[in-house]
Amino acid sequence: MAEIRIDSRGLTFTKFSVSGHSPDLVDGAGAPMLSLAPGIYGIEQVPGQSASFEFQVTHKGVVEYDTALIG
């Protein structure tokens, strides 16, 4: 398991869920730590909607995502 911090303070809507982890909304304004096993996850800001974007946690605990999302 990797400890991943997700900070959404800069977003208008700070709550999100992580598909593949939990359907519950998390308030990212406090930059919570999540324990995630290696795999592919999606960030959902509206429950039941498609993920806004996906990221992968590698077996080394590294988070990888499409760099086109930066900015």
C-alpha atoms as a PDB file:
ATOM      1  CA  MET A   1       0.000   0.000   0.000  1.00  0.00           C
ATOM      2  CA  ALA A   2       1.161   3.496  -0.822  1.00  0.00           C
ATOM      3  CA  GLU A   3       0.253   6.572   1.217  1.00  0.00           C
ATOM      4  CA  ILE A   4      -1.011   9.133  -1.304  1.00  0.00           C
ATOM      5  CA  ARG A   5      -1.900  12.730  -0.400  1.00  0.00           C
ATOM      6  CA  ILE A   6      -4.564  14.363  -2.560  1.00  0.00           C
ATOM      7  CA  ASP A   7      -4.862  18.121  -2.125  1.00  0.00           C
ATOM      8  CA  SER A   8      -7.853  19.734  -3.806  1.00  0.00           C
ATOM      9  CA  ARG A   9      -7.764  23.091  -1.981  1.00  0.00           C
ATOM     10  CA  GLY A  10      -7.242  24.907  -5.296  1.00  0.00           C
ATOM     11  CA  LEU A  11     -10.470  23.548  -6.797  1.00  0.00           C
ATOM     12  CA  THR A  12     -13.905  25.152  -6.589  1.00  0.00           C
ATOM     13  CA  PHE A  13     -15.422  21.873  -5.391  1.00  0.00           C
ATOM     14  CA  THR A  14     -12.969  20.171  -3.024  1.00  0.00           C
ATOM     15  CA  LYS A  15     -14.875  16.930  -2.426  1.00  0.00           C
ATOM     16  CA  PHE A  16     -14.167  13.839  -4.503  1.00  0.00           C
ATOM     17  CA  SER A  17     -14.243  10.057  -4.417  1.00  0.00           C
ATOM     18  CA  VAL A  18     -11.592   7.672  -5.653  1.00  0.00           C
ATOM     19  CA  SER A  19     -13.083   4.934  -7.849  1.00  0.00           C
ATOM     20  CA  GLY A  20     -11.579   1.590  -7.050  1.00  0.00           C
ATOM     21  CA  HIS A  21     -10.987   2.725  -3.462  1.00  0.00           C
ATOM     22  CA  SER A  22     -14.231   3.986  -1.927  1.00  0.00           C
ATOM     23  CA  PRO A  23     -17.508   5.481  -3.179  1.00  0.00           C
ATOM     24  CA  ASP A  24     -17.554   7.891  -0.209  1.00  0.00           C
ATOM     25  CA  LEU A  25     -16.761  11.551  -0.810  1.00  0.00           C
ATOM     26  CA  VAL A  26     -13.522  12.814   0.708  1.00  0.00           C
ATOM     27  CA  ASP A  27     -12.913  16.506   1.391  1.00  0.00           C
ATOM     28  CA  GLY A  28      -9.552  17.208  -0.190  1.00  0.00           C
ATOM     29  CA  ALA A  29      -9.373  20.718   1.311  1.00  0.00           C
ATOM     30  CA  GLY A  30      -7.470  19.159   4.210  1.00  0.00           C
ATOM     31  CA  ALA A  31      -5.133  17.251   1.860  1.00  0.00           C
ATOM     32  CA  PRO A  32      -5.977  13.795   3.288  1.00  0.00           C
ATOM     33  CA  MET A  33      -3.698  10.754   3.031  1.00  0.00           C
ATOM     34  CA  LEU A  34      -5.193   7.683   1.353  1.00  0.00           C
ATOM     35  CA  SER A  35      -3.736   4.176   1.488  1.00  0.00           C
ATOM     36  CA  LEU A  36      -3.909   2.800  -2.042  1.00  0.00           C
ATOM     37  CA  ALA A  37      -2.767  -0.552  -3.363  1.00  0.00           C
ATOM     38  CA  PRO A  38      -1.063  -0.661  -6.765  1.00  0.00           C
ATOM     39  CA  GLY A  39      -3.648  -0.194  -9.508  1.00  0.00           C
ATOM     40  CA  ILE A  40      -5.559   2.319 -11.610  1.00  0.00           C
ATOM     41  CA  TYR A  41      -7.908   4.757  -9.911  1.00  0.00           C
ATOM     42  CA  GLY A  42     -10.222   7.524 -11.021  1.00  0.00           C
ATOM     43  CA  ILE A  43     -11.075  10.816  -9.344  1.00  0.00           C
ATOM     44  CA  GLU A  44     -14.817  11.472  -9.380  1.00  0.00           C
ATOM     45  CA  GLN A  45     -16.227  14.804  -8.269  1.00  0.00           C
ATOM     46  CA  VAL A  46     -19.823  13.806  -8.973  1.00  0.00           C
ATOM     47  CA  PRO A  47     -20.775  10.373  -7.596  1.00  0.00           C
ATOM     48  CA  GLY A  48     -21.952   8.036 -10.326  1.00  0.00           C
ATOM     49  CA  GLN A  49     -20.401  10.106 -13.127  1.00  0.00           C
ATOM     50  CA  SER A  50     -17.370   9.066 -15.117  1.00  0.00           C
ATOM     51  CA  ALA A  51     -14.020   9.827 -13.532  1.00  0.00           C
ATOM     52  CA  SER A  52     -12.628  13.305 -14.216  1.00  0.00           C
ATOM     53  CA  PHE A  53      -9.209  11.723 -14.679  1.00  0.00           C
ATOM     54  CA  GLU A  54      -7.332   8.535 -13.872  1.00  0.00           C
ATOM     55  CA  PHE A  55      -4.004   7.851 -12.232  1.00  0.00           C
ATOM     56  CA  GLN A  56      -1.998   4.739 -11.481  1.00  0.00           C
ATOM     57  CA  VAL A  57      -0.194   3.705  -8.307  1.00  0.00           C
ATOM     58  CA  THR A  58       2.766   1.528  -9.285  1.00  0.00           C
ATOM     59  CA  HIS A  59       4.159  -1.396  -7.301  1.00  0.00           C
ATOM     60  CA  LYS A  60       6.894   0.988  -6.125  1.00  0.00           C
ATOM     61  CA  GLY A  61       4.255   3.362  -4.708  1.00  0.00           C
ATOM     62  CA  VAL A  62       4.755   5.966  -7.436  1.00  0.00           C
ATOM     63  CA  VAL A  63       1.756   7.884  -8.810  1.00  0.00           C
ATOM     64  CA  GLU A  64       1.672   8.146 -12.596  1.00  0.00           C
ATOM     65  CA  TYR A  65      -0.779  10.160 -14.696  1.00  0.00           C
ATOM     66  CA  ASP A  66      -1.132  11.745 -18.114  1.00  0.00           C
ATOM     67  CA  THR A  67       1.161  14.785 -18.105  1.00  0.00           C
ATOM     68  CA  ALA A  68      -1.258  16.531 -20.493  1.00  0.00           C
ATOM     69  CA  LEU A  69      -3.334  17.198 -17.354  1.00  0.00           C
ATOM     70  CA  ILE A  70      -0.722  19.556 -15.903  1.00  0.00           C
ATOM     71  CA  GLY A  71      -1.633  23.221 -15.996  1.00  0.00           C
END
